[in-house]
Amino acid sequence: MAHPKRRQSSTRRDKRRTHYKAVVPQLAKDATTGELHLYHRAHWHEGKLYYRGKIVLEKEVAATEEN
């Protein structure tokens, strides 16, 4: 197995780690429902799937079985 010949300095280690950052997700408010959602993503609201303010899909309610 490979082993490092020299110990990597803390400066070089920290330079490498500068790219790992926590990012706040960008949220948009839907004009139709007023719900917050991620940009460029469809979102469910009251059994309906919305994208850009329009209904894309409606969830079908399964019939309940009688015992």
PDB file of N, CA and C in Angstrom:
ATOM      1  N   MET A   1       0.833  -1.187   0.000  1.00  0.00           N
ATOM      2  CA  MET A   1       0.000   0.000   0.000  1.00  0.00           C
ATOM      3  C   MET A   1       0.870   1.240   0.000  1.00  0.00           C
ATOM      4  N   ALA A   2       0.358   2.298  -0.602  1.00  0.00           N
ATOM      5  CA  ALA A   2       1.106   3.548  -0.669  1.00  0.00           C
ATOM      6  C   ALA A   2       1.036   4.284   0.657  1.00  0.00           C
ATOM      7  N   HIS A   3       2.166   4.877   1.026  1.00  0.00           N
ATOM      8  CA  HIS A   3       2.239   5.683   2.244  1.00  0.00           C
ATOM      9  C   HIS A   3       2.831   7.030   1.879  1.00  0.00           C
ATOM     10  N   PRO A   4       2.353   8.100   2.499  1.00  0.00           N
ATOM     11  CA  PRO A   4       2.920   9.408   2.193  1.00  0.00           C
ATOM     12  C   PRO A   4       4.357   9.516   2.704  1.00  0.00           C
ATOM     13  N   LYS A   5       5.203  10.130   1.889  1.00  0.00           N
ATOM     14  CA  LYS A   5       6.604  10.272   2.277  1.00  0.00           C
ATOM     15  C   LYS A   5       6.761  11.360   3.331  1.00  0.00           C
ATOM     16  N   ARG A   6       5.961  12.411   3.212  1.00  0.00           N
ATOM     17  CA  ARG A   6       6.008  13.515   4.165  1.00  0.00           C
ATOM     18  C   ARG A   6       4.596  13.795   4.673  1.00  0.00           C
ATOM     19  N   ARG A   7       4.536  14.328   5.866  1.00  0.00           N
ATOM     20  CA  ARG A   7       3.249  14.712   6.434  1.00  0.00           C
ATOM     21  C   ARG A   7       2.731  15.941   5.689  1.00  0.00           C
ATOM     22  N   GLN A   8       1.443  15.929   5.358  1.00  0.00           N
ATOM     23  CA  GLN A   8       0.864  17.077   4.666  1.00  0.00           C
ATOM     24  C   GLN A   8       0.579  18.173   5.686  1.00  0.00           C
ATOM     25  N   SER A   9       0.978  19.390   5.358  1.00  0.00           N
ATOM     26  CA  SER A   9       0.828  20.499   6.301  1.00  0.00           C
ATOM     27  C   SER A   9      -0.647  20.852   6.494  1.00  0.00           C
ATOM     28  N   SER A  10      -0.925  21.503   7.614  1.00  0.00           N
ATOM     29  CA  SER A  10      -2.308  21.890   7.903  1.00  0.00           C
ATOM     30  C   SER A  10      -2.808  22.918   6.896  1.00  0.00           C
ATOM     31  N   THR A  11      -1.919  23.731   6.351  1.00  0.00           N
ATOM     32  CA  THR A  11      -2.312  24.719   5.348  1.00  0.00           C
ATOM     33  C   THR A  11      -2.800  24.033   4.082  1.00  0.00           C
ATOM     34  N   ARG A  12      -2.061  23.037   3.618  1.00  0.00           N
ATOM     35  CA  ARG A  12      -2.467  22.313   2.412  1.00  0.00           C
ATOM     36  C   ARG A  12      -3.753  21.540   2.650  1.00  0.00           C
ATOM     37  N   ARG A  13      -3.894  20.988   3.840  1.00  0.00           N
ATOM     38  CA  ARG A  13      -5.115  20.258   4.194  1.00  0.00           C
ATOM     39  C   ARG A  13      -6.313  21.207   4.169  1.00  0.00           C
ATOM     40  N   ASP A  14      -6.134  22.395   4.765  1.00  0.00           N
ATOM     41  CA  ASP A  14      -7.230  23.351   4.844  1.00  0.00           C
ATOM     42  C   ASP A  14      -7.580  23.937   3.472  1.00  0.00           C
ATOM     43  N   LYS A  15      -6.583  24.109   2.609  1.00  0.00           N
ATOM     44  CA  LYS A  15      -6.856  24.585   1.255  1.00  0.00           C
ATOM     45  C   LYS A  15      -7.743  23.596   0.506  1.00  0.00           C
ATOM     46  N   ARG A  16      -7.493  22.326   0.708  1.00  0.00           N
ATOM     47  CA  ARG A  16      -8.293  21.297   0.057  1.00  0.00           C
ATOM     48  C   ARG A  16      -9.731  21.318   0.573  1.00  0.00           C
ATOM     49  N   ARG A  17      -9.900  21.595   1.840  1.00  0.00           N
ATOM     50  CA  ARG A  17     -11.227  21.543   2.462  1.00  0.00           C
ATOM     51  C   ARG A  17     -12.062  22.806   2.252  1.00  0.00           C
ATOM     52  N   THR A  18     -11.495  23.842   1.631  1.00  0.00           N
ATOM     53  CA  THR A  18     -12.256  25.082   1.453  1.00  0.00           C
ATOM     54  C   THR A  18     -13.452  24.891   0.530  1.00  0.00           C
ATOM     55  N   HIS A  19     -13.440  23.875  -0.301  1.00  0.00           N
ATOM     56  CA  HIS A  19     -14.512  23.672  -1.267  1.00  0.00           C
ATOM     57  C   HIS A  19     -15.724  22.980  -0.664  1.00  0.00           C
ATOM     58  N   TYR A  20     -15.596  22.407   0.521  1.00  0.00           N
ATOM     59  CA  TYR A  20     -16.719  21.740   1.170  1.00  0.00           C
ATOM     60  C   TYR A  20     -17.463  22.764   2.010  1.00  0.00           C
ATOM     61  N   LYS A  21     -18.606  23.210   1.513  1.00  0.00           N
ATOM     62  CA  LYS A  21     -19.356  24.261   2.198  1.00  0.00           C
ATOM     63  C   LYS A  21     -20.814  23.842   2.330  1.00  0.00           C
ATOM     64  N   ALA A  22     -21.451  24.350   3.361  1.00  0.00           N
ATOM     65  CA  ALA A  22     -22.888  24.158   3.506  1.00  0.00           C
ATOM     66  C   ALA A  22     -23.589  25.230   2.678  1.00  0.00           C
ATOM     67  N   VAL A  23     -24.573  24.818   1.899  1.00  0.00           N
ATOM     68  CA  VAL A  23     -25.263  25.738   1.014  1.00  0.00           C
ATOM     69  C   VAL A  23     -26.722  25.840   1.445  1.00  0.00           C
ATOM     70  N   VAL A  24     -27.219  27.066   1.524  1.00  0.00           N
ATOM     71  CA  VAL A  24     -28.622  27.283   1.851  1.00  0.00           C
ATOM     72  C   VAL A  24     -29.439  27.033   0.584  1.00  0.00           C
ATOM     73  N   PRO A  25     -30.453  26.167   0.646  1.00  0.00           N
ATOM     74  CA  PRO A  25     -31.232  25.892  -0.565  1.00  0.00           C
ATOM     75  C   PRO A  25     -32.046  27.110  -0.989  1.00  0.00           C
ATOM     76  N   GLN A  26     -32.131  27.323  -2.305  1.00  0.00           N
ATOM     77  CA  GLN A  26     -32.910  28.438  -2.830  1.00  0.00           C
ATOM     78  C   GLN A  26     -34.375  28.028  -2.877  1.00  0.00           C
ATOM     79  N   LEU A  27     -35.214  28.823  -2.239  1.00  0.00           N
ATOM     80  CA  LEU A  27     -36.636  28.522  -2.185  1.00  0.00           C
ATOM     81  C   LEU A  27     -37.418  29.542  -2.994  1.00  0.00           C
ATOM     82  N   ALA A  28     -38.475  29.066  -3.632  1.00  0.00           N
ATOM     83  CA  ALA A  28     -39.375  29.931  -4.387  1.00  0.00           C
ATOM     84  C   ALA A  28     -40.772  29.781  -3.811  1.00  0.00           C
ATOM     85  N   LYS A  29     -41.562  30.829  -3.940  1.00  0.00           N
ATOM     86  CA  LYS A  29     -42.950  30.782  -3.478  1.00  0.00           C
ATOM     87  C   LYS A  29     -43.844  30.568  -4.691  1.00  0.00           C
ATOM     88  N   ASP A  30     -44.652  29.516  -4.639  1.00  0.00           N
ATOM     89  CA  ASP A  30     -45.541  29.205  -5.744  1.00  0.00           C
ATOM     90  C   ASP A  30     -46.663  30.241  -5.805  1.00  0.00           C
ATOM     91  N   ALA A  31     -46.911  30.776  -6.992  1.00  0.00           N
ATOM     92  CA  ALA A  31     -47.935  31.812  -7.152  1.00  0.00           C
ATOM     93  C   ALA A  31     -49.338  31.264  -6.935  1.00  0.00           C
ATOM     94  N   THR A  32     -49.562  30.003  -7.267  1.00  0.00           N
ATOM     95  CA  THR A  32     -50.893  29.413  -7.148  1.00  0.00           C
ATOM     96  C   THR A  32     -51.213  29.012  -5.718  1.00  0.00           C
ATOM     97  N   THR A  33     -50.310  28.250  -5.095  1.00  0.00           N
ATOM     98  CA  THR A  33     -50.582  27.699  -3.763  1.00  0.00           C
ATOM     99  C   THR A  33     -49.988  28.530  -2.639  1.00  0.00           C
ATOM    100  N   GLY A  34     -48.969  29.321  -2.934  1.00  0.00           N
ATOM    101  CA  GLY A  34     -48.305  30.105  -1.894  1.00  0.00           C
ATOM    102  C   GLY A  34     -47.337  29.297  -1.060  1.00  0.00           C
ATOM    103  N   GLU A  35     -47.045  28.085  -1.488  1.00  0.00           N
ATOM    104  CA  GLU A  35     -46.160  27.189  -0.749  1.00  0.00           C
ATOM    105  C   GLU A  35     -44.712  27.386  -1.189  1.00  0.00           C
ATOM    106  N   LEU A  36     -43.781  27.250  -0.252  1.00  0.00           N
ATOM    107  CA  LEU A  36     -42.360  27.339  -0.585  1.00  0.00           C
ATOM    108  C   LEU A  36     -41.879  26.001  -1.124  1.00  0.00           C
ATOM    109  N   HIS A  37     -41.048  26.045  -2.165  1.00  0.00           N
ATOM    110  CA  HIS A  37     -40.495  24.829  -2.753  1.00  0.00           C
ATOM    111  C   HIS A  37     -39.145  25.157  -3.368  1.00  0.00           C
ATOM    112  N   LEU A  38     -38.391  24.125  -3.720  1.00  0.00           N
ATOM    113  CA  LEU A  38     -37.101  24.313  -4.370  1.00  0.00           C
ATOM    114  C   LEU A  38     -37.303  24.754  -5.817  1.00  0.00           C
ATOM    115  N   TYR A  39     -36.388  25.588  -6.302  1.00  0.00           N
ATOM    116  CA  TYR A  39     -36.436  26.025  -7.689  1.00  0.00           C
ATOM    117  C   TYR A  39     -36.318  24.831  -8.630  1.00  0.00           C
ATOM    118  N   HIS A  40     -36.987  24.900  -9.765  1.00  0.00           N
ATOM    119  CA  HIS A  40     -36.924  23.893 -10.828  1.00  0.00           C
ATOM    120  C   HIS A  40     -37.331  22.507 -10.344  1.00  0.00           C
ATOM    121  N   ARG A  41     -38.195  22.442  -9.350  1.00  0.00           N
ATOM    122  CA  ARG A  41     -38.677  21.163  -8.838  1.00  0.00           C
ATOM    123  C   ARG A  41     -40.196  21.222  -8.722  1.00  0.00           C
ATOM    124  N   ALA A  42     -40.841  20.119  -9.026  1.00  0.00           N
ATOM    125  CA  ALA A  42     -42.276  20.015  -8.807  1.00  0.00           C
ATOM    126  C   ALA A  42     -42.505  19.737  -7.328  1.00  0.00           C
ATOM    127  N   HIS A  43     -43.679  20.136  -6.823  1.00  0.00           N
ATOM    128  CA  HIS A  43     -43.968  19.904  -5.408  1.00  0.00           C
ATOM    129  C   HIS A  43     -45.434  19.508  -5.239  1.00  0.00           C
ATOM    130  N   TRP A  44     -45.678  18.670  -4.221  1.00  0.00           N
ATOM    131  CA  TRP A  44     -47.028  18.209  -3.914  1.00  0.00           C
ATOM    132  C   TRP A  44     -47.708  19.203  -2.992  1.00  0.00           C
ATOM    133  N   HIS A  45     -48.992  19.445  -3.244  1.00  0.00           N
ATOM    134  CA  HIS A  45     -49.806  20.292  -2.368  1.00  0.00           C
ATOM    135  C   HIS A  45     -51.243  19.785  -2.447  1.00  0.00           C
ATOM    136  N   GLU A  46     -51.737  19.295  -1.324  1.00  0.00           N
ATOM    137  CA  GLU A  46     -53.105  18.783  -1.206  1.00  0.00           C
ATOM    138  C   GLU A  46     -53.431  17.747  -2.275  1.00  0.00           C
ATOM    139  N   GLY A  47     -52.527  16.787  -2.473  1.00  0.00           N
ATOM    140  CA  GLY A  47     -52.772  15.681  -3.399  1.00  0.00           C
ATOM    141  C   GLY A  47     -52.574  16.012  -4.864  1.00  0.00           C
ATOM    142  N   LYS A  48     -52.034  17.186  -5.164  1.00  0.00           N
ATOM    143  CA  LYS A  48     -51.790  17.574  -6.549  1.00  0.00           C
ATOM    144  C   LYS A  48     -50.327  17.956  -6.708  1.00  0.00           C
ATOM    145  N   LEU A  49     -49.768  17.591  -7.856  1.00  0.00           N
ATOM    146  CA  LEU A  49     -48.376  17.904  -8.155  1.00  0.00           C
ATOM    147  C   LEU A  49     -48.341  19.170  -9.005  1.00  0.00           C
ATOM    148  N   TYR A  50     -47.644  20.195  -8.493  1.00  0.00           N
ATOM    149  CA  TYR A  50     -47.561  21.485  -9.175  1.00  0.00           C
ATOM    150  C   TYR A  50     -46.153  21.704  -9.722  1.00  0.00           C
ATOM    151  N   TYR A  51     -46.078  22.327 -10.903  1.00  0.00           N
ATOM    152  CA  TYR A  51     -44.806  22.776 -11.456  1.00  0.00           C
ATOM    153  C   TYR A  51     -45.063  24.079 -12.187  1.00  0.00           C
ATOM    154  N   ARG A  52     -44.363  25.124 -11.792  1.00  0.00           N
ATOM    155  CA  ARG A  52     -44.493  26.466 -12.354  1.00  0.00           C
ATOM    156  C   ARG A  52     -45.932  26.972 -12.285  1.00  0.00           C
ATOM    157  N   GLY A  53     -46.609  26.678 -11.167  1.00  0.00           N
ATOM    158  CA  GLY A  53     -47.949  27.189 -10.933  1.00  0.00           C
ATOM    159  C   GLY A  53     -49.070  26.414 -11.598  1.00  0.00           C
ATOM    160  N   LYS A  54     -48.739  25.340 -12.308  1.00  0.00           N
ATOM    161  CA  LYS A  54     -49.763  24.556 -13.000  1.00  0.00           C
ATOM    162  C   LYS A  54     -49.814  23.145 -12.428  1.00  0.00           C
ATOM    163  N   ILE A  55     -51.006  22.552 -12.468  1.00  0.00           N
ATOM    164  CA  ILE A  55     -51.171  21.177 -11.993  1.00  0.00           C
ATOM    165  C   ILE A  55     -50.627  20.234 -13.056  1.00  0.00           C
ATOM    166  N   VAL A  56     -49.704  19.375 -12.650  1.00  0.00           N
ATOM    167  CA  VAL A  56     -49.105  18.416 -13.561  1.00  0.00           C
ATOM    168  C   VAL A  56     -49.778  17.060 -13.396  1.00  0.00           C
ATOM    169  N   LEU A  57     -50.079  16.709 -12.151  1.00  0.00           N
ATOM    170  CA  LEU A  57     -50.613  15.383 -11.861  1.00  0.00           C
ATOM    171  C   LEU A  57     -51.529  15.480 -10.657  1.00  0.00           C
ATOM    172  N   GLU A  58     -52.611  14.716 -10.691  1.00  0.00           N
ATOM    173  CA  GLU A  58     -53.491  14.639  -9.533  1.00  0.00           C
ATOM    174  C   GLU A  58     -53.409  13.236  -8.965  1.00  0.00           C
ATOM    175  N   LYS A  59     -53.282  13.151  -7.658  1.00  0.00           N
ATOM    176  CA  LYS A  59     -53.159  11.858  -6.994  1.00  0.00           C
ATOM    177  C   LYS A  59     -54.532  11.211  -6.908  1.00  0.00           C
ATOM    178  N   GLU A  60     -54.611   9.953  -7.358  1.00  0.00           N
ATOM    179  CA  GLU A  60     -55.871   9.229  -7.295  1.00  0.00           C
ATOM    180  C   GLU A  60     -56.016   8.594  -5.923  1.00  0.00           C
ATOM    181  N   VAL A  61     -57.190   8.742  -5.346  1.00  0.00           N
ATOM    182  CA  VAL A  61     -57.452   8.155  -4.037  1.00  0.00           C
ATOM    183  C   VAL A  61     -57.935   6.732  -4.261  1.00  0.00           C
ATOM    184  N   ALA A  62     -57.261   5.773  -3.619  1.00  0.00           N
ATOM    185  CA  ALA A  62     -57.629   4.371  -3.761  1.00  0.00           C
ATOM    186  C   ALA A  62     -58.943   4.106  -3.039  1.00  0.00           C
ATOM    187  N   ALA A  63     -59.779   3.266  -3.647  1.00  0.00           N
ATOM    188  CA  ALA A  63     -61.061   2.921  -3.029  1.00  0.00           C
ATOM    189  C   ALA A  63     -60.807   2.070  -1.794  1.00  0.00           C
ATOM    190  N   THR A  64     -61.524   2.365  -0.714  1.00  0.00           N
ATOM    191  CA  THR A  64     -61.342   1.599   0.521  1.00  0.00           C
ATOM    192  C   THR A  64     -62.110   0.291   0.428  1.00  0.00           C
ATOM    193  N   GLU A  65     -61.507  -0.744   0.948  1.00  0.00           N
ATOM    194  CA  GLU A  65     -62.141  -2.063   0.937  1.00  0.00           C
ATOM    195  C   GLU A  65     -63.082  -2.187   2.116  1.00  0.00           C
ATOM    196  N   GLU A  66     -64.252  -2.764   1.855  1.00  0.00           N
ATOM    197  CA  GLU A  66     -65.210  -2.992   2.931  1.00  0.00           C
ATOM    198  C   GLU A  66     -65.057  -4.411   3.436  1.00  0.00           C
ATOM    199  N   ASN A  67     -64.981  -4.568   4.751  1.00  0.00           N
ATOM    200  CA  ASN A  67     -64.829  -5.909   5.339  1.00  0.00           C
ATOM    201  C   ASN A  67     -66.145  -6.441   5.819  1.00  0.00           C
TER     202      ASN A  67
END
